[in-house]
């Protein structure tokens, strides 16, 4: 599945619309990844949707299989969104 396919399908137009309404600027660290782009074509978006549904099915099967050894399904997985609590502006890098 294309990384960020759904999140960037509109070419970042939605986030820019919200920023315009709020009067805020896009922070420097996000400007490269959220430049305005041409939205994803409908057939490509449909393909991403199909890939996403297949991924959901596979992950659901895995998630439910966690109960096989002890009868307990995992309730949640808690994890940070970045490997640190805060960053110095202009110094954020996380290869994910």
N, C-alpha and C. Protein backbone atom coordinates (compact mmCIF):
# COMPACT_ATOMS: atom_id res chain seq x y z
N UNK A 1 0.84 -1.18 0.00
CA UNK A 1 0.00 0.00 0.00
C UNK A 1 0.88 1.24 0.00
N UNK A 2 0.48 2.23 -0.75
CA UNK A 2 1.23 3.48 -0.84
C UNK A 2 1.20 4.18 0.51
N UNK A 3 2.36 4.57 1.01
CA UNK A 3 2.44 5.25 2.30
C UNK A 3 1.78 6.61 2.20
N UNK A 4 0.87 6.89 3.13
CA UNK A 4 0.19 8.18 3.15
C UNK A 4 -0.82 8.37 2.03
N UNK A 5 -1.16 7.31 1.32
CA UNK A 5 -2.06 7.41 0.18
C UNK A 5 -3.39 8.07 0.49
N UNK A 6 -4.05 7.63 1.55
CA UNK A 6 -5.33 8.22 1.91
C UNK A 6 -5.16 9.63 2.46
N UNK A 7 -4.13 9.80 3.28
CA UNK A 7 -3.95 11.09 3.94
C UNK A 7 -3.59 12.20 2.96
N UNK A 8 -2.98 11.83 1.86
CA UNK A 8 -2.56 12.85 0.90
C UNK A 8 -3.37 12.80 -0.39
N UNK A 9 -4.46 12.05 -0.41
CA UNK A 9 -5.23 11.86 -1.63
C UNK A 9 -5.80 13.16 -2.20
N UNK A 10 -6.12 14.10 -1.33
CA UNK A 10 -6.69 15.37 -1.82
C UNK A 10 -5.62 16.38 -2.20
N UNK A 11 -4.36 15.97 -2.17
CA UNK A 11 -3.26 16.86 -2.53
C UNK A 11 -2.99 17.94 -1.50
N UNK A 12 -3.40 17.69 -0.25
CA UNK A 12 -3.22 18.60 0.89
C UNK A 12 -4.13 19.83 0.82
N UNK A 13 -5.13 19.79 -0.05
CA UNK A 13 -6.04 20.94 -0.18
C UNK A 13 -6.87 21.15 1.09
N UNK A 14 -7.30 20.08 1.75
CA UNK A 14 -8.13 20.22 2.95
C UNK A 14 -7.36 20.92 4.07
N UNK A 15 -6.13 20.49 4.33
CA UNK A 15 -5.36 21.11 5.41
C UNK A 15 -5.11 22.59 5.11
N UNK A 16 -4.86 22.92 3.85
CA UNK A 16 -4.63 24.32 3.49
C UNK A 16 -5.91 25.15 3.63
N UNK A 17 -7.05 24.53 3.36
CA UNK A 17 -8.33 25.22 3.53
C UNK A 17 -8.55 25.55 5.02
N UNK A 18 -8.25 24.59 5.89
CA UNK A 18 -8.40 24.83 7.33
C UNK A 18 -7.40 25.87 7.83
N UNK A 19 -6.18 25.81 7.34
CA UNK A 19 -5.19 26.81 7.73
C UNK A 19 -5.62 28.22 7.30
N UNK A 20 -6.17 28.32 6.11
CA UNK A 20 -6.63 29.62 5.62
C UNK A 20 -7.73 30.17 6.52
N UNK A 21 -8.68 29.31 6.90
CA UNK A 21 -9.77 29.74 7.79
C UNK A 21 -9.26 30.19 9.15
N UNK A 22 -8.24 29.50 9.65
CA UNK A 22 -7.73 29.80 10.99
C UNK A 22 -6.78 31.00 10.98
N UNK A 23 -6.25 31.33 9.82
CA UNK A 23 -5.28 32.41 9.74
C UNK A 23 -3.87 31.98 10.14
N UNK A 24 -3.70 30.70 10.43
CA UNK A 24 -2.39 30.19 10.82
C UNK A 24 -1.60 29.76 9.58
N UNK A 25 -0.29 29.78 9.73
CA UNK A 25 0.59 29.30 8.66
C UNK A 25 0.96 27.85 8.95
N UNK A 26 1.30 27.14 7.91
CA UNK A 26 1.81 25.78 8.05
C UNK A 26 3.21 25.87 8.64
N UNK A 27 3.47 25.12 9.69
CA UNK A 27 4.78 25.20 10.32
C UNK A 27 5.86 24.70 9.36
N UNK A 28 7.03 25.27 9.49
CA UNK A 28 8.15 25.01 8.58
C UNK A 28 8.44 23.51 8.44
N UNK A 29 8.40 22.78 9.54
CA UNK A 29 8.76 21.36 9.50
C UNK A 29 7.80 20.53 8.65
N UNK A 30 6.59 21.02 8.39
CA UNK A 30 5.61 20.26 7.62
C UNK A 30 5.45 20.76 6.18
N UNK A 31 6.13 21.83 5.83
CA UNK A 31 5.91 22.43 4.52
C UNK A 31 6.29 21.52 3.36
N UNK A 32 7.37 20.78 3.46
CA UNK A 32 7.77 19.90 2.36
C UNK A 32 6.74 18.80 2.10
N UNK A 33 6.25 18.20 3.16
CA UNK A 33 5.31 17.09 3.00
C UNK A 33 3.89 17.51 2.71
N UNK A 34 3.55 18.77 2.96
CA UNK A 34 2.17 19.21 2.78
C UNK A 34 2.03 20.34 1.76
N UNK A 35 2.92 20.38 0.79
CA UNK A 35 2.75 21.32 -0.32
C UNK A 35 1.52 20.91 -1.11
N UNK A 36 0.84 21.89 -1.71
CA UNK A 36 -0.32 21.57 -2.54
C UNK A 36 0.11 20.75 -3.75
N UNK A 37 -0.65 19.71 -4.01
CA UNK A 37 -0.37 18.81 -5.13
C UNK A 37 -1.68 18.53 -5.88
N UNK A 38 -1.58 17.91 -7.01
CA UNK A 38 -2.77 17.47 -7.74
C UNK A 38 -3.40 16.31 -6.97
N UNK A 39 -4.72 16.35 -6.72
CA UNK A 39 -5.37 15.25 -6.02
C UNK A 39 -5.20 13.92 -6.77
N UNK A 40 -5.26 12.83 -6.03
CA UNK A 40 -5.14 11.49 -6.59
C UNK A 40 -6.32 11.21 -7.53
N UNK A 41 -6.04 10.57 -8.65
CA UNK A 41 -7.10 10.21 -9.60
C UNK A 41 -8.04 9.19 -8.97
N UNK A 42 -9.30 9.23 -9.38
CA UNK A 42 -10.33 8.40 -8.77
C UNK A 42 -10.00 6.91 -8.81
N UNK A 43 -9.54 6.40 -9.95
CA UNK A 43 -9.25 4.97 -10.05
C UNK A 43 -8.08 4.56 -9.16
N UNK A 44 -7.10 5.44 -9.02
CA UNK A 44 -5.98 5.16 -8.12
C UNK A 44 -6.47 5.16 -6.67
N UNK A 45 -7.36 6.11 -6.34
CA UNK A 45 -7.92 6.18 -4.99
C UNK A 45 -8.75 4.92 -4.70
N UNK A 46 -9.50 4.47 -5.70
CA UNK A 46 -10.29 3.25 -5.53
C UNK A 46 -9.36 2.06 -5.27
N UNK A 47 -8.25 1.99 -5.98
CA UNK A 47 -7.28 0.93 -5.75
C UNK A 47 -6.71 1.00 -4.34
N UNK A 48 -6.41 2.21 -3.85
CA UNK A 48 -5.94 2.37 -2.47
C UNK A 48 -6.99 1.87 -1.48
N UNK A 49 -8.26 2.15 -1.77
CA UNK A 49 -9.35 1.70 -0.90
C UNK A 49 -9.39 0.18 -0.84
N UNK A 50 -9.27 -0.47 -1.98
CA UNK A 50 -9.27 -1.93 -2.02
C UNK A 50 -8.07 -2.49 -1.26
N UNK A 51 -6.90 -1.90 -1.45
CA UNK A 51 -5.71 -2.34 -0.71
C UNK A 51 -5.92 -2.15 0.79
N UNK A 52 -6.52 -1.03 1.17
CA UNK A 52 -6.77 -0.76 2.59
C UNK A 52 -7.72 -1.77 3.20
N UNK A 53 -8.76 -2.13 2.48
CA UNK A 53 -9.71 -3.13 2.98
C UNK A 53 -9.04 -4.49 3.16
N UNK A 54 -8.16 -4.86 2.23
CA UNK A 54 -7.43 -6.13 2.35
C UNK A 54 -6.49 -6.09 3.54
N UNK A 55 -5.80 -4.97 3.73
CA UNK A 55 -4.91 -4.83 4.88
C UNK A 55 -5.71 -4.94 6.18
N UNK A 56 -6.86 -4.28 6.24
CA UNK A 56 -7.71 -4.36 7.43
C UNK A 56 -8.11 -5.80 7.72
N UNK A 57 -8.48 -6.55 6.68
CA UNK A 57 -8.87 -7.95 6.86
C UNK A 57 -7.71 -8.77 7.42
N UNK A 58 -6.53 -8.59 6.83
CA UNK A 58 -5.36 -9.33 7.29
C UNK A 58 -5.02 -8.98 8.73
N UNK A 59 -5.06 -7.70 9.06
CA UNK A 59 -4.71 -7.29 10.41
C UNK A 59 -5.76 -7.75 11.41
N UNK A 60 -7.02 -7.74 11.01
CA UNK A 60 -8.08 -8.24 11.89
C UNK A 60 -7.88 -9.73 12.18
N UNK A 61 -7.50 -10.49 11.16
CA UNK A 61 -7.21 -11.91 11.37
C UNK A 61 -6.06 -12.08 12.35
N UNK A 62 -5.00 -11.30 12.18
CA UNK A 62 -3.86 -11.36 13.10
C UNK A 62 -4.30 -10.98 14.51
N UNK A 63 -5.01 -9.86 14.63
CA UNK A 63 -5.44 -9.36 15.94
C UNK A 63 -6.27 -10.42 16.67
N UNK A 64 -7.21 -11.01 15.97
CA UNK A 64 -8.06 -12.03 16.59
C UNK A 64 -7.28 -13.30 16.93
N UNK A 65 -6.21 -13.58 16.19
CA UNK A 65 -5.41 -14.77 16.47
C UNK A 65 -4.63 -14.65 17.78
N UNK A 66 -4.50 -13.43 18.31
CA UNK A 66 -3.77 -13.26 19.57
C UNK A 66 -4.47 -13.95 20.73
N UNK A 67 -5.74 -14.28 20.57
CA UNK A 67 -6.49 -14.94 21.64
C UNK A 67 -6.26 -16.45 21.65
N UNK A 68 -5.62 -16.99 20.63
CA UNK A 68 -5.49 -18.44 20.52
C UNK A 68 -4.69 -19.07 21.64
N UNK A 69 -3.65 -18.41 22.12
CA UNK A 69 -2.80 -19.04 23.13
C UNK A 69 -3.40 -19.01 24.53
N UNK A 70 -4.09 -17.92 24.89
CA UNK A 70 -4.62 -17.83 26.26
C UNK A 70 -6.08 -17.40 26.33
N UNK A 71 -6.74 -17.27 25.20
CA UNK A 71 -8.14 -16.88 25.19
C UNK A 71 -8.39 -15.39 25.35
N UNK A 72 -7.33 -14.61 25.46
CA UNK A 72 -7.46 -13.16 25.65
C UNK A 72 -7.05 -12.43 24.37
N UNK A 73 -7.95 -11.61 23.86
CA UNK A 73 -7.62 -10.76 22.71
C UNK A 73 -6.89 -9.53 23.23
N UNK A 74 -5.93 -9.04 22.49
CA UNK A 74 -5.24 -7.81 22.85
C UNK A 74 -6.27 -6.68 22.83
N UNK A 75 -6.30 -5.87 23.89
CA UNK A 75 -7.24 -4.76 23.96
C UNK A 75 -6.75 -3.56 23.16
N UNK A 76 -5.46 -3.28 23.25
CA UNK A 76 -4.92 -2.09 22.59
C UNK A 76 -3.40 -2.20 22.51
N UNK A 77 -2.84 -1.45 21.61
CA UNK A 77 -1.40 -1.30 21.52
C UNK A 77 -1.12 0.19 21.68
N UNK A 78 -0.42 0.55 22.74
CA UNK A 78 -0.10 1.94 23.00
C UNK A 78 1.34 2.20 22.58
N UNK A 79 1.53 3.22 21.76
CA UNK A 79 2.86 3.54 21.31
C UNK A 79 2.94 5.01 20.92
N UNK A 80 4.09 5.61 21.07
CA UNK A 80 4.23 7.03 20.75
C UNK A 80 4.21 7.27 19.24
N UNK A 81 3.87 8.48 18.85
CA UNK A 81 3.87 8.83 17.43
C UNK A 81 5.25 9.19 16.92
N UNK A 82 6.17 9.44 17.84
CA UNK A 82 7.55 9.75 17.48
C UNK A 82 8.45 9.20 18.59
N UNK A 83 9.73 8.98 18.29
CA UNK A 83 10.62 8.38 19.29
C UNK A 83 11.14 9.36 20.33
N UNK A 84 10.47 10.49 20.51
CA UNK A 84 10.90 11.49 21.49
C UNK A 84 9.68 12.32 21.88
N UNK A 85 9.80 13.05 22.99
CA UNK A 85 8.67 13.83 23.50
C UNK A 85 8.49 15.16 22.77
N UNK A 86 9.55 15.81 22.42
CA UNK A 86 9.46 17.11 21.75
C UNK A 86 10.69 17.30 20.88
N UNK A 87 10.58 18.23 19.96
CA UNK A 87 11.72 18.50 19.08
C UNK A 87 11.99 20.00 19.03
N UNK A 88 13.21 20.33 18.69
CA UNK A 88 13.58 21.71 18.44
C UNK A 88 13.06 22.05 17.05
N UNK A 89 12.35 23.16 16.87
CA UNK A 89 11.85 23.51 15.53
C UNK A 89 12.97 23.47 14.49
N UNK A 90 12.67 22.81 13.37
CA UNK A 90 13.64 22.68 12.30
C UNK A 90 14.57 21.49 12.45
N UNK A 91 14.44 20.73 13.54
CA UNK A 91 15.34 19.60 13.79
C UNK A 91 14.61 18.26 13.80
N UNK A 92 13.33 18.24 13.43
CA UNK A 92 12.57 16.99 13.47
C UNK A 92 12.95 16.09 12.30
N UNK A 93 13.29 14.86 12.63
CA UNK A 93 13.49 13.85 11.60
C UNK A 93 13.14 12.51 12.20
N UNK A 94 12.24 11.82 11.53
CA UNK A 94 11.90 10.46 11.96
C UNK A 94 11.59 9.66 10.71
N UNK A 95 12.41 8.68 10.44
CA UNK A 95 12.26 7.87 9.24
C UNK A 95 11.18 6.82 9.32
N UNK A 96 10.55 6.67 10.49
CA UNK A 96 9.41 5.80 10.68
C UNK A 96 9.70 4.38 10.50
